[in-house]
């Protein structure tokens, strides 16, 4: 190796060390890969007829008491740390809420509103 190659060796090592990312383990989100933080789920998650929940640009999938997350519904899926699990999971009945759009369901007045 010539002298100019030896002079560039420390510079190359310094530049490569700048590419290393150390994930922060004490923040509000779990870190994956190269330090990307995944937000924790809220304390209460409400699921519809399918086991997916969307938040902060991620899709969360609930299956057999385990949560996984990915950047799309097609995966790839990564296990969510238990510290990021919700405390409670609620289920909407089918046809209820924004999934089906039936705003009169369960009303005693036939959908006319009060006092009419």
PDB file of N, CA and C in Angstrom:
ATOM      1  N   UNK A   1       0.847  -1.158   0.000  1.00  0.00           N
ATOM      2  CA  UNK A   1       0.000   0.000   0.000  1.00  0.00           C
ATOM      3  C   UNK A   1       0.905   1.238   0.000  1.00  0.00           C
ATOM      4  N   UNK A   2       0.551   2.219  -0.792  1.00  0.00           N
ATOM      5  CA  UNK A   2       1.377   3.423  -0.854  1.00  0.00           C
ATOM      6  C   UNK A   2       1.028   4.388   0.274  1.00  0.00           C
ATOM      7  N   UNK A   3       1.765   5.483   0.358  1.00  0.00           N
ATOM      8  CA  UNK A   3       1.596   6.431   1.458  1.00  0.00           C
ATOM      9  C   UNK A   3       0.231   7.119   1.435  1.00  0.00           C
ATOM     10  N   UNK A   4      -0.282   7.411   0.252  1.00  0.00           N
ATOM     11  CA  UNK A   4      -1.587   8.081   0.177  1.00  0.00           C
ATOM     12  C   UNK A   4      -2.702   7.139   0.641  1.00  0.00           C
ATOM     13  N   UNK A   5      -2.556   5.850   0.384  1.00  0.00           N
ATOM     14  CA  UNK A   5      -3.538   4.861   0.853  1.00  0.00           C
ATOM     15  C   UNK A   5      -3.550   4.757   2.365  1.00  0.00           C
ATOM     16  N   UNK A   6      -2.354   4.822   2.981  1.00  0.00           N
ATOM     17  CA  UNK A   6      -2.265   4.783   4.438  1.00  0.00           C
ATOM     18  C   UNK A   6      -2.837   6.052   5.064  1.00  0.00           C
ATOM     19  N   UNK A   7      -2.701   7.170   4.387  1.00  0.00           N
ATOM     20  CA  UNK A   7      -3.237   8.422   4.906  1.00  0.00           C
ATOM     21  C   UNK A   7      -4.761   8.433   4.845  1.00  0.00           C
ATOM     22  N   UNK A   8      -5.332   7.756   3.875  1.00  0.00           N
ATOM     23  CA  UNK A   8      -6.786   7.721   3.726  1.00  0.00           C
ATOM     24  C   UNK A   8      -7.449   6.691   4.638  1.00  0.00           C
ATOM     25  N   UNK A   9      -6.691   5.755   5.154  1.00  0.00           N
ATOM     26  CA  UNK A   9      -7.247   4.704   6.003  1.00  0.00           C
ATOM     27  C   UNK A   9      -7.928   5.257   7.262  1.00  0.00           C
ATOM     28  N   UNK A  10      -7.315   6.161   8.040  1.00  0.00           N
ATOM     29  CA  UNK A  10      -8.021   6.720   9.207  1.00  0.00           C
ATOM     30  C   UNK A  10      -9.275   7.522   8.818  1.00  0.00           C
ATOM     31  N   UNK A  11      -9.181   8.219   7.688  1.00  0.00           N
ATOM     32  CA  UNK A  11     -10.342   8.983   7.222  1.00  0.00           C
ATOM     33  C   UNK A  11     -11.498   8.050   6.868  1.00  0.00           C
ATOM     34  N   UNK A  12     -11.198   6.945   6.201  1.00  0.00           N
ATOM     35  CA  UNK A  12     -12.234   5.980   5.843  1.00  0.00           C
ATOM     36  C   UNK A  12     -12.851   5.353   7.091  1.00  0.00           C
ATOM     37  N   UNK A  13     -12.032   5.028   8.077  1.00  0.00           N
ATOM     38  CA  UNK A  13     -12.555   4.459   9.329  1.00  0.00           C
ATOM     39  C   UNK A  13     -13.444   5.462  10.052  1.00  0.00           C
ATOM     40  N   UNK A  14     -13.064   6.732  10.048  1.00  0.00           N
ATOM     41  CA  UNK A  14     -13.867   7.767  10.704  1.00  0.00           C
ATOM     42  C   UNK A  14     -15.199   7.945   9.991  1.00  0.00           C
ATOM     43  N   UNK A  15     -15.198   7.953   8.658  1.00  0.00           N
ATOM     44  CA  UNK A  15     -16.442   8.109   7.899  1.00  0.00           C
ATOM     45  C   UNK A  15     -17.379   6.918   8.111  1.00  0.00           C
ATOM     46  N   UNK A  16     -16.833   5.714   8.164  1.00  0.00           N
ATOM     47  CA  UNK A  16     -17.674   4.529   8.388  1.00  0.00           C
ATOM     48  C   UNK A  16     -18.277   4.522   9.791  1.00  0.00           C
ATOM     49  N   UNK A  17     -17.538   5.018  10.768  1.00  0.00           N
ATOM     50  CA  UNK A  17     -18.074   5.050  12.132  1.00  0.00           C
ATOM     51  C   UNK A  17     -19.230   6.041  12.243  1.00  0.00           C
ATOM     52  N   UNK A  18     -19.276   7.038  11.388  1.00  0.00           N
ATOM     53  CA  UNK A  18     -20.382   8.005  11.402  1.00  0.00           C
ATOM     54  C   UNK A  18     -21.681   7.369  10.920  1.00  0.00           C
ATOM     55  N   UNK A  19     -21.608   6.247  10.228  1.00  0.00           N
ATOM     56  CA  UNK A  19     -22.800   5.566   9.718  1.00  0.00           C
ATOM     57  C   UNK A  19     -23.453   4.669  10.760  1.00  0.00           C
ATOM     58  N   UNK A  20     -22.785   4.406  11.845  1.00  0.00           N
ATOM     59  CA  UNK A  20     -23.318   3.530  12.875  1.00  0.00           C
ATOM     60  C   UNK A  20     -24.347   4.296  13.708  1.00  0.00           C
ATOM     61  N   UNK A  21     -25.526   3.703  13.891  1.00  0.00           N
ATOM     62  CA  UNK A  21     -26.586   4.326  14.673  1.00  0.00           C
ATOM     63  C   UNK A  21     -26.814   3.480  15.916  1.00  0.00           C
ATOM     64  N   UNK A  22     -26.740   4.106  17.064  1.00  0.00           N
ATOM     65  CA  UNK A  22     -26.997   3.404  18.317  1.00  0.00           C
ATOM     66  C   UNK A  22     -28.417   3.728  18.754  1.00  0.00           C
ATOM     67  N   UNK A  23     -29.313   2.731  18.826  1.00  0.00           N
ATOM     68  CA  UNK A  23     -30.696   3.006  19.201  1.00  0.00           C
ATOM     69  C   UNK A  23     -30.832   3.424  20.661  1.00  0.00           C
ATOM     70  N   UNK A  24     -31.751   4.341  20.912  1.00  0.00           N
ATOM     71  CA  UNK A  24     -32.040   4.807  22.266  1.00  0.00           C
ATOM     72  C   UNK A  24     -33.036   3.845  22.905  1.00  0.00           C
ATOM     73  N   UNK A  25     -32.679   3.185  23.962  1.00  0.00           N
ATOM     74  CA  UNK A  25     -33.542   2.188  24.601  1.00  0.00           C
ATOM     75  C   UNK A  25     -34.446   2.791  25.669  1.00  0.00           C
ATOM     76  N   UNK A  26     -34.340   4.084  25.919  1.00  0.00           N
ATOM     77  CA  UNK A  26     -35.100   4.686  26.995  1.00  0.00           C
ATOM     78  C   UNK A  26     -36.199   5.609  26.514  1.00  0.00           C
ATOM     79  N   UNK A  27     -36.433   5.699  25.208  1.00  0.00           N
ATOM     80  CA  UNK A  27     -37.447   6.599  24.668  1.00  0.00           C
ATOM     81  C   UNK A  27     -38.837   6.003  24.746  1.00  0.00           C
ATOM     82  N   UNK A  28     -39.827   6.730  24.237  1.00  0.00           N
ATOM     83  CA  UNK A  28     -41.211   6.277  24.308  1.00  0.00           C
ATOM     84  C   UNK A  28     -41.554   5.154  23.348  1.00  0.00           C
ATOM     85  N   UNK A  29     -40.710   4.895  22.356  1.00  0.00           N
ATOM     86  CA  UNK A  29     -41.015   3.855  21.383  1.00  0.00           C
ATOM     87  C   UNK A  29     -39.949   2.780  21.361  1.00  0.00           C
ATOM     88  N   UNK A  30     -40.314   1.608  20.874  1.00  0.00           N
ATOM     89  CA  UNK A  30     -39.341   0.535  20.703  1.00  0.00           C
ATOM     90  C   UNK A  30     -38.499   0.859  19.482  1.00  0.00           C
ATOM     91  N   UNK A  31     -37.258   0.457  19.494  1.00  0.00           N
ATOM     92  CA  UNK A  31     -36.413   0.715  18.346  1.00  0.00           C
ATOM     93  C   UNK A  31     -36.192  -0.569  17.579  1.00  0.00           C
ATOM     94  N   UNK A  32     -36.187  -0.430  16.266  1.00  0.00           N
ATOM     95  CA  UNK A  32     -35.958  -1.576  15.401  1.00  0.00           C
ATOM     96  C   UNK A  32     -34.856  -1.225  14.425  1.00  0.00           C
ATOM     97  N   UNK A  33     -34.225  -2.227  13.895  1.00  0.00           N
ATOM     98  CA  UNK A  33     -33.254  -2.038  12.840  1.00  0.00           C
ATOM     99  C   UNK A  33     -32.193  -1.013  13.172  1.00  0.00           C
ATOM    100  N   UNK A  34     -32.246   0.127  12.512  1.00  0.00           N
ATOM    101  CA  UNK A  34     -31.210   1.143  12.674  1.00  0.00           C
ATOM    102  C   UNK A  34     -31.687   2.307  13.525  1.00  0.00           C
ATOM    103  N   UNK A  35     -32.510   2.054  14.529  1.00  0.00           N
ATOM    104  CA  UNK A  35     -32.910   3.098  15.454  1.00  0.00           C
ATOM    105  C   UNK A  35     -34.252   3.737  15.158  1.00  0.00           C
ATOM    106  N   UNK A  36     -35.103   3.099  14.378  1.00  0.00           N
ATOM    107  CA  UNK A  36     -36.433   3.631  14.086  1.00  0.00           C
ATOM    108  C   UNK A  36     -37.323   3.358  15.292  1.00  0.00           C
ATOM    109  N   UNK A  37     -37.959   4.380  15.832  1.00  0.00           N
ATOM    110  CA  UNK A  37     -38.810   4.223  17.022  1.00  0.00           C
ATOM    111  C   UNK A  37     -40.236   3.890  16.609  1.00  0.00           C
ATOM    112  N   UNK A  38     -40.795   2.874  17.235  1.00  0.00           N
ATOM    113  CA  UNK A  38     -42.171   2.471  17.001  1.00  0.00           C
ATOM    114  C   UNK A  38     -42.990   2.937  18.191  1.00  0.00           C
ATOM    115  N   UNK A  39     -44.061   3.716  17.955  1.00  0.00           N
ATOM    116  CA  UNK A  39     -44.845   4.215  19.086  1.00  0.00           C
ATOM    117  C   UNK A  39     -45.577   3.095  19.816  1.00  0.00           C
ATOM    118  N   UNK A  40     -45.710   3.271  21.116  1.00  0.00           N
ATOM    119  CA  UNK A  40     -46.472   2.316  21.918  1.00  0.00           C
ATOM    120  C   UNK A  40     -47.949   2.467  21.597  1.00  0.00           C
ATOM    121  N   UNK A  41     -48.694   1.395  21.749  1.00  0.00           N
ATOM    122  CA  UNK A  41     -50.135   1.452  21.534  1.00  0.00           C
ATOM    123  C   UNK A  41     -50.796   2.225  22.673  1.00  0.00           C
ATOM    124  N   UNK A  42     -51.971   2.811  22.430  1.00  0.00           N
ATOM    125  CA  UNK A  42     -52.672   3.498  23.519  1.00  0.00           C
ATOM    126  C   UNK A  42     -53.104   2.501  24.587  1.00  0.00           C
ATOM    127  N   UNK A  43     -53.535   2.997  25.740  1.00  0.00           N
ATOM    128  CA  UNK A  43     -53.932   2.116  26.837  1.00  0.00           C
ATOM    129  C   UNK A  43     -55.113   1.234  26.458  1.00  0.00           C
ATOM    130  N   UNK A  44     -56.040   1.758  25.651  1.00  0.00           N
ATOM    131  CA  UNK A  44     -57.204   0.987  25.205  1.00  0.00           C
ATOM    132  C   UNK A  44     -57.223   0.986  23.685  1.00  0.00           C
ATOM    133  N   UNK A  45     -57.252  -0.204  23.094  1.00  0.00           N
ATOM    134  CA  UNK A  45     -57.335  -0.363  21.646  1.00  0.00           C
ATOM    135  C   UNK A  45     -58.683  -0.977  21.320  1.00  0.00           C
ATOM    136  N   UNK A  46     -59.368  -0.397  20.350  1.00  0.00           N
ATOM    137  CA  UNK A  46     -60.665  -0.913  19.932  1.00  0.00           C
ATOM    138  C   UNK A  46     -60.509  -1.523  18.546  1.00  0.00           C
ATOM    139  N   UNK A  47     -60.805  -2.816  18.450  1.00  0.00           N
ATOM    140  CA  UNK A  47     -60.694  -3.537  17.188  1.00  0.00           C
ATOM    141  C   UNK A  47     -62.079  -3.810  16.617  1.00  0.00           C
ATOM    142  N   UNK A  48     -62.180  -3.792  15.306  1.00  0.00           N
ATOM    143  CA  UNK A  48     -63.421  -4.131  14.627  1.00  0.00           C
ATOM    144  C   UNK A  48     -63.462  -5.614  14.323  1.00  0.00           C
ATOM    145  N   UNK A  49     -63.989  -5.951  13.158  1.00  0.00           N
ATOM    146  CA  UNK A  49     -64.108  -7.356  12.777  1.00  0.00           C
ATOM    147  C   UNK A  49     -62.775  -7.959  12.357  1.00  0.00           C
ATOM    148  N   UNK A  50     -61.790  -7.100  12.058  1.00  0.00           N
ATOM    149  CA  UNK A  50     -60.464  -7.615  11.718  1.00  0.00           C
ATOM    150  C   UNK A  50     -59.456  -7.197  12.793  1.00  0.00           C
ATOM    151  N   UNK A  51     -58.385  -7.946  12.952  1.00  0.00           N
ATOM    152  CA  UNK A  51     -57.446  -7.712  14.065  1.00  0.00           C
ATOM    153  C   UNK A  51     -56.359  -6.684  13.777  1.00  0.00           C
ATOM    154  N   UNK A  52     -56.652  -5.654  12.986  1.00  0.00           N
ATOM    155  CA  UNK A  52     -55.650  -4.651  12.629  1.00  0.00           C
ATOM    156  C   UNK A  52     -55.947  -3.318  13.302  1.00  0.00           C
ATOM    157  N   UNK A  53     -54.888  -2.613  13.680  1.00  0.00           N
ATOM    158  CA  UNK A  53     -55.004  -1.284  14.274  1.00  0.00           C
ATOM    159  C   UNK A  53     -53.937  -0.410  13.624  1.00  0.00           C
ATOM    160  N   UNK A  54     -54.308   0.808  13.238  1.00  0.00           N
ATOM    161  CA  UNK A  54     -53.386   1.702  12.539  1.00  0.00           C
ATOM    162  C   UNK A  54     -53.072   2.914  13.407  1.00  0.00           C
ATOM    163  N   UNK A  55     -51.778   3.251  13.516  1.00  0.00           N
ATOM    164  CA  UNK A  55     -51.362   4.406  14.307  1.00  0.00           C
ATOM    165  C   UNK A  55     -49.946   4.804  13.922  1.00  0.00           C
ATOM    166  N   UNK A  56     -49.722   6.085  13.778  1.00  0.00           N
ATOM    167  CA  UNK A  56     -48.384   6.625  13.568  1.00  0.00           C
ATOM    168  C   UNK A  56     -47.641   6.069  12.365  1.00  0.00           C
ATOM    169  N   UNK A  57     -48.354   5.753  11.298  1.00  0.00           N
ATOM    170  CA  UNK A  57     -47.713   5.228  10.103  1.00  0.00           C
ATOM    171  C   UNK A  57     -47.406   3.738  10.152  1.00  0.00           C
ATOM    172  N   UNK A  58     -47.845   3.063  11.215  1.00  0.00           N
ATOM    173  CA  UNK A  58     -47.637   1.620  11.352  1.00  0.00           C
ATOM    174  C   UNK A  58     -48.975   0.900  11.430  1.00  0.00           C
ATOM    175  N   UNK A  59     -48.965  -0.345  11.011  1.00  0.00           N
ATOM    176  CA  UNK A  59     -50.127  -1.220  11.158  1.00  0.00           C
ATOM    177  C   UNK A  59     -49.775  -2.250  12.212  1.00  0.00           C
ATOM    178  N   UNK A  60     -50.657  -2.392  13.181  1.00  0.00           N
ATOM    179  CA  UNK A  60     -50.463  -3.361  14.265  1.00  0.00           C
ATOM    180  C   UNK A  60     -51.433  -4.514  14.044  1.00  0.00           C
ATOM    181  N   UNK A  61     -50.965  -5.729  14.270  1.00  0.00           N
ATOM    182  CA  UNK A  61     -51.756  -6.942  14.054  1.00  0.00           C
ATOM    183  C   UNK A  61     -51.821  -7.725  15.356  1.00  0.00           C
ATOM    184  N   UNK A  62     -53.042  -8.043  15.792  1.00  0.00           N
ATOM    185  CA  UNK A  62     -53.241  -8.771  17.043  1.00  0.00           C
ATOM    186  C   UNK A  62     -53.653 -10.201  16.716  1.00  0.00           C
ATOM    187  N   UNK A  63     -52.910 -11.163  17.251  1.00  0.00           N
ATOM    188  CA  UNK A  63     -53.193 -12.570  16.980  1.00  0.00           C
ATOM    189  C   UNK A  63     -52.703 -13.422  18.154  1.00  0.00           C
ATOM    190  N   UNK A  64     -53.620 -14.183  18.743  1.00  0.00           N
ATOM    191  CA  UNK A  64     -53.290 -15.121  19.839  1.00  0.00           C
ATOM    192  C   UNK A  64     -52.536 -14.435  20.981  1.00  0.00           C
ATOM    193  N   UNK A  65     -53.102 -13.359  21.483  1.00  0.00           N
ATOM    194  CA  UNK A  65     -52.536 -12.607  22.613  1.00  0.00           C
ATOM    195  C   UNK A  65     -51.163 -11.999  22.327  1.00  0.00           C
ATOM    196  N   UNK A  66     -50.827 -11.814  21.069  1.00  0.00           N
ATOM    197  CA  UNK A  66     -49.546 -11.202  20.701  1.00  0.00           C
ATOM    198  C   UNK A  66     -49.798 -10.077  19.708  1.00  0.00           C
ATOM    199  N   UNK A  67     -49.002  -9.022  19.832  1.00  0.00           N
ATOM    200  CA  UNK A  67     -49.067  -7.905  18.906  1.00  0.00           C
ATOM    201  C   UNK A  67     -47.832  -7.907  18.023  1.00  0.00           C
ATOM    202  N   UNK A  68     -48.046  -7.649  16.739  1.00  0.00           N
ATOM    203  CA  UNK A  68     -46.959  -7.490  15.781  1.00  0.00           C
ATOM    204  C   UNK A  68     -47.204  -6.192  15.025  1.00  0.00           C
ATOM    205  N   UNK A  69     -46.182  -5.624  14.435  1.00  0.00           N
ATOM    206  CA  UNK A  69     -46.352  -4.397  13.683  1.00  0.00           C
ATOM    207  C   UNK A  69     -45.543  -4.438  12.403  1.00  0.00           C
ATOM    208  N   UNK A  70     -45.973  -3.618  11.454  1.00  0.00           N
ATOM    209  CA  UNK A  70     -45.278  -3.482  10.181  1.00  0.00           C
ATOM    210  C   UNK A  70     -45.673  -2.159   9.554  1.00  0.00           C
ATOM    211  N   UNK A  71     -45.050  -1.836   8.450  1.00  0.00           N
ATOM    212  CA  UNK A  71     -45.359  -0.576   7.799  1.00  0.00           C
ATOM    213  C   UNK A  71     -46.527  -0.689   6.836  1.00  0.00           C
ATOM    214  N   UNK A  72     -47.008  -1.890   6.609  1.00  0.00           N
ATOM    215  CA  UNK A  72     -48.207  -2.083   5.789  1.00  0.00           C
ATOM    216  C   UNK A  72     -48.944  -3.324   6.285  1.00  0.00           C
ATOM    217  N   UNK A  73     -50.143  -3.492   5.803  1.00  0.00           N
ATOM    218  CA  UNK A  73     -50.951  -4.634   6.210  1.00  0.00           C
ATOM    219  C   UNK A  73     -50.375  -5.952   5.699  1.00  0.00           C
ATOM    220  N   UNK A  74     -49.518  -5.866   4.715  1.00  0.00           N
ATOM    221  CA  UNK A  74     -48.907  -7.059   4.129  1.00  0.00           C
ATOM    222  C   UNK A  74     -47.621  -7.479   4.823  1.00  0.00           C
ATOM    223  N   UNK A  75     -47.215  -6.730   5.863  1.00  0.00           N
ATOM    224  CA  UNK A  75     -45.989  -7.068   6.569  1.00  0.00           C
ATOM    225  C   UNK A  75     -44.798  -6.440   5.889  1.00  0.00           C
ATOM    226  N   UNK A  76     -43.604  -6.890   6.169  1.00  0.00           N
ATOM    227  CA  UNK A  76     -43.251  -7.958   7.100  1.00  0.00           C
ATOM    228  C   UNK A  76     -43.556  -7.544   8.540  1.00  0.00           C
ATOM    229  N   UNK A  77     -43.865  -8.527   9.375  1.00  0.00           N
ATOM    230  CA  UNK A  77     -44.282  -8.292  10.750  1.00  0.00           C
ATOM    231  C   UNK A  77     -43.127  -8.483  11.711  1.00  0.00           C
ATOM    232  N   UNK A  78     -43.085  -7.626  12.738  1.00  0.00           N
ATOM    233  CA  UNK A  78     -42.078  -7.699  13.795  1.00  0.00           C
ATOM    234  C   UNK A  78     -42.834  -7.746  15.120  1.00  0.00           C
ATOM    235  N   UNK A  79     -42.379  -8.584  16.056  1.00  0.00           N
ATOM    236  CA  UNK A  79     -43.029  -8.656  17.370  1.00  0.00           C
ATOM    237  C   UNK A  79     -42.899  -7.323  18.093  1.00  0.00           C
ATOM    238  N   UNK A  80     -44.005  -6.855  18.641  1.00  0.00           N
ATOM    239  CA  UNK A  80     -44.012  -5.622  19.428  1.00  0.00           C
ATOM    240  C   UNK A  80     -43.566  -5.955  20.847  1.00  0.00           C
ATOM    241  N   UNK A  81     -42.680  -5.158  21.437  1.00  0.00           N
ATOM    242  CA  UNK A  81     -42.280  -5.430  22.830  1.00  0.00           C
ATOM    243  C   UNK A  81     -43.486  -5.356  23.765  1.00  0.00           C
ATOM    244  N   UNK A  82     -43.527  -6.216  24.755  1.00  0.00           N
ATOM    245  CA  UNK A  82     -44.662  -6.257  25.688  1.00  0.00           C
ATOM    246  C   UNK A  82     -44.867  -4.933  26.416  1.00  0.00           C
ATOM    247  N   UNK A  83     -43.816  -4.149  26.566  1.00  0.00           N
ATOM    248  CA  UNK A  83     -43.965  -2.844  27.212  1.00  0.00           C
ATOM    249  C   UNK A  83     -44.815  -1.882  26.381  1.00  0.00           C
ATOM    250  N   UNK A  84     -45.052  -2.211  25.115  1.00  0.00           N
ATOM    251  CA  UNK A  84     -45.834  -1.372  24.215  1.00  0.00           C
ATOM    252  C   UNK A  84     -47.245  -1.909  23.989  1.00  0.00           C
ATOM    253  N   UNK A  85     -47.617  -3.000  24.663  1.00  0.00           N
ATOM    254  CA  UNK A  85     -48.959  -3.569  24.533  1.00  0.00           C
ATOM    255  C   UNK A  85     -49.986  -2.651  25.197  1.00  0.00           C
ATOM    256  N   UNK A  86     -51.228  -2.655  24.697  1.00  0.00           N
ATOM    257  CA  UNK A  86     -52.278  -1.908  25.391  1.00  0.00           C
ATOM    258  C   UNK A  86     -52.702  -2.642  26.659  1.00  0.00           C
ATOM    259  N   UNK A  87     -53.298  -1.920  27.591  1.00  0.00           N
ATOM    260  CA  UNK A  87     -53.786  -2.568  28.812  1.00  0.00           C
ATOM    261  C   UNK A  87     -55.106  -3.287  28.566  1.00  0.00           C
ATOM    262  N   UNK A  88     -55.871  -2.775  27.596  1.00  0.00           N
ATOM    263  CA  UNK A  88     -57.196  -3.339  27.346  1.00  0.00           C
ATOM    264  C   UNK A  88     -57.473  -3.356  25.854  1.00  0.00           C
ATOM    265  N   UNK A  89     -58.152  -4.420  25.405  1.00  0.00           N
ATOM    266  CA  UNK A  89     -58.575  -4.534  24.014  1.00  0.00           C
ATOM    267  C   UNK A  89     -60.091  -4.644  24.009  1.00  0.00           C
ATOM    268  N   UNK A  90     -60.733  -3.744  23.291  1.00  0.00           N
ATOM    269  CA  UNK A  90     -62.193  -3.773  23.167  1.00  0.00           C
ATOM    270  C   UNK A  90     -62.543  -4.145  21.736  1.00  0.00           C
ATOM    271  N   UNK A  91     -63.695  -4.788  21.593  1.00  0.00           N
ATOM    272  CA  UNK A  91     -64.142  -5.207  20.279  1.00  0.00           C
ATOM    273  C   UNK A  91     -65.467  -4.542  19.940  1.00  0.00           C
ATOM    274  N   UNK A  92     -65.529  -3.941  18.755  1.00  0.00           N
ATOM    275  CA  UNK A  92     -66.800  -3.414  18.250  1.00  0.00           C
ATOM    276  C   UNK A  92     -67.584  -4.582  17.686  1.00  0.00           C
ATOM    277  N   UNK A  93     -68.884  -4.540  17.882  1.00  0.00           N
ATOM    278  CA  UNK A  93     -69.719  -5.575  17.277  1.00  0.00           C
ATOM    279  C   UNK A  93     -69.798  -5.307  15.784  1.00  0.00           C
ATOM    280  N   UNK A  94     -70.032  -6.329  15.034  1.00  0.00           N
ATOM    281  CA  UNK A  94     -70.150  -6.147  13.595  1.00  0.00           C
ATOM    282  C   UNK A  94     -71.350  -5.268  13.298  1.00  0.00           C
ATOM    283  N   UNK A  95     -71.147  -4.348  12.381  1.00  0.00           N
ATOM    284  CA  UNK A  95     -72.216  -3.436  12.026  1.00  0.00           C
ATOM    285  C   UNK A  95     -72.247  -2.201  12.902  1.00  0.00           C
ATOM    286  N   UNK A  96     -71.399  -2.117  13.888  1.00  0.00           N
ATOM    287  CA  UNK A  96     -71.381  -0.978  14.797  1.00  0.00           C
ATOM    288  C   UNK A  96     -70.197  -0.084  14.476  1.00  0.00           C
ATOM    289  N   UNK A  97     -70.334   1.186  14.747  1.00  0.00           N
ATOM    290  CA  UNK A  97     -69.225   2.113  14.546  1.00  0.00           C
ATOM    291  C   UNK A  97     -69.042   2.478  13.099  1.00  0.00           C
ATOM    292  N   UNK A  98     -67.840   2.928  12.747  1.00  0.00           N
ATOM    293  CA  UNK A  98     -67.610   3.439  11.407  1.00  0.00           C
ATOM    294  C   UNK A  98     -67.422   2.351  10.368  1.00  0.00           C
ATOM    295  N   UNK A  99     -67.317   1.085  10.791  1.00  0.00           N
ATOM    296  CA  UNK A  99     -67.131   0.012   9.812  1.00  0.00           C
ATOM    297  C   UNK A  99     -68.344  -0.132   8.900  1.00  0.00           C
ATOM    298  N   UNK A 100     -69.540  -0.055   9.459  1.00  0.00           N
ATOM    299  CA  UNK A 100     -70.754  -0.302   8.683  1.00  0.00           C
ATOM    300  C   UNK A 100     -71.557   0.960   8.392  1.00  0.00           C
ATOM    301  N   UNK A 101     -71.364   2.019   9.188  1.00  0.00           N
ATOM    302  CA  UNK A 101     -72.038   3.275   8.920  1.00  0.00           C
ATOM    303  C   UNK A 101     -73.498   3.320   9.315  1.00  0.00           C
ATOM    304  N   UNK A 102     -73.979   2.437  10.156  1.00  0.00           N
ATOM    305  CA  UNK A 102     -75.369   2.432  10.588  1.00  0.00           C
ATOM    306  C   UNK A 102     -75.485   3.267  11.858  1.00  0.00           C
ATOM    307  N   UNK A 103     -75.797   4.576  11.701  1.00  0.00           N
ATOM    308  CA  UNK A 103     -75.847   5.477  12.826  1.00  0.00           C
ATOM    309  C   UNK A 103     -77.065   5.320  13.704  1.00  0.00           C
ATOM    310  N   UNK A 104     -78.117   4.606  13.259  1.00  0.00           N
ATOM    311  CA  UNK A 104     -79.353   4.463  14.023  1.00  0.00           C
ATOM    312  C   UNK A 104     -79.414   3.181  14.831  1.00  0.00           C
ATOM    313  N   UNK A 105     -78.421   2.368  14.744  1.00  0.00           N
ATOM    314  CA  UNK A 105     -78.442   1.077  15.431  1.00  0.00           C
ATOM    315  C   UNK A 105     -78.495   1.274  16.946  1.00  0.00           C
ATOM    316  N   UNK A 106     -79.427   0.585  17.586  1.00  0.00           N
ATOM    317  CA  UNK A 106     -79.535   0.602  19.032  1.00  0.00           C
ATOM    318  C   UNK A 106     -80.307   1.785  19.584  1.00  0.00           C
ATOM    319  N   UNK A 107     -80.919   2.590  18.738  1.00  0.00           N
ATOM    320  CA  UNK A 107     -81.684   3.737  19.233  1.00  0.00           C
ATOM    321  C   UNK A 107     -83.128   3.324  19.460  1.00  0.00           C
ATOM    322  N   UNK A 108     -83.698   3.799  20.565  1.00  0.00           N
ATOM    323  CA  UNK A 108     -85.067   3.443  20.915  1.00  0.00           C
ATOM    324  C   UNK A 108     -86.110   4.256  20.153  1.00  0.00           C
ATOM    325  N   UNK A 109     -85.727   5.379  19.569  1.00  0.00           N
ATOM    326  CA  UNK A 109     -86.696   6.257  18.927  1.00  0.00           C
ATOM    327  C   UNK A 109     -86.793   6.041  17.422  1.00  0.00           C
ATOM    328  N   UNK A 110     -86.242   4.966  16.931  1.00  0.00           N
ATOM    329  CA  UNK A 110     -86.334   4.665  15.505  1.00  0.00           C
ATOM    330  C   UNK A 110     -85.489   5.579  14.649  1.00  0.00           C
ATOM    331  N   UNK A 111     -84.518   6.252  15.256  1.00  0.00           N
ATOM    332  CA  UNK A 111     -83.633   7.104  14.482  1.00  0.00           C
ATOM    333  C   UNK A 111     -84.143   8.514  14.310  1.00  0.00           C
ATOM    334  N   UNK A 112     -85.245   8.894  14.964  1.00  0.00           N
ATOM    335  CA  UNK A 112     -85.816  10.225  14.806  1.00  0.00           C
ATOM    336  C   UNK A 112     -85.153  11.266  15.695  1.00  0.00           C
ATOM    337  N   UNK A 113     -84.433  10.867  16.735  1.00  0.00           N
ATOM    338  CA  UNK A 113     -83.795  11.804  17.649  1.00  0.00           C
ATOM    339  C   UNK A 113     -84.722  12.109  18.813  1.00  0.00           C
ATOM    340  N   UNK A 114     -84.225  12.755  19.819  1.00  0.00           N
ATOM    341  CA  UNK A 114     -85.017  13.059  21.022  1.00  0.00           C
ATOM    342  C   UNK A 114     -85.930  14.244  20.785  1.00  0.00           C
ATOM    343  N   UNK A 115     -87.100  14.173  21.388  1.00  0.00           N
ATOM    344  CA  UNK A 115     -88.021  15.287  21.412  1.00  0.00           C
ATOM    345  C   UNK A 115     -88.749  15.552  20.110  1.00  0.00           C
ATOM    346  N   UNK A 116     -88.700  14.684  19.150  1.00  0.00           N
ATOM    347  CA  UNK A 116     -89.427  14.895  17.889  1.00  0.00           C
ATOM    348  C   UNK A 116     -90.653  14.044  17.860  1.00  0.00           C
TER     349      UNK A 116
END
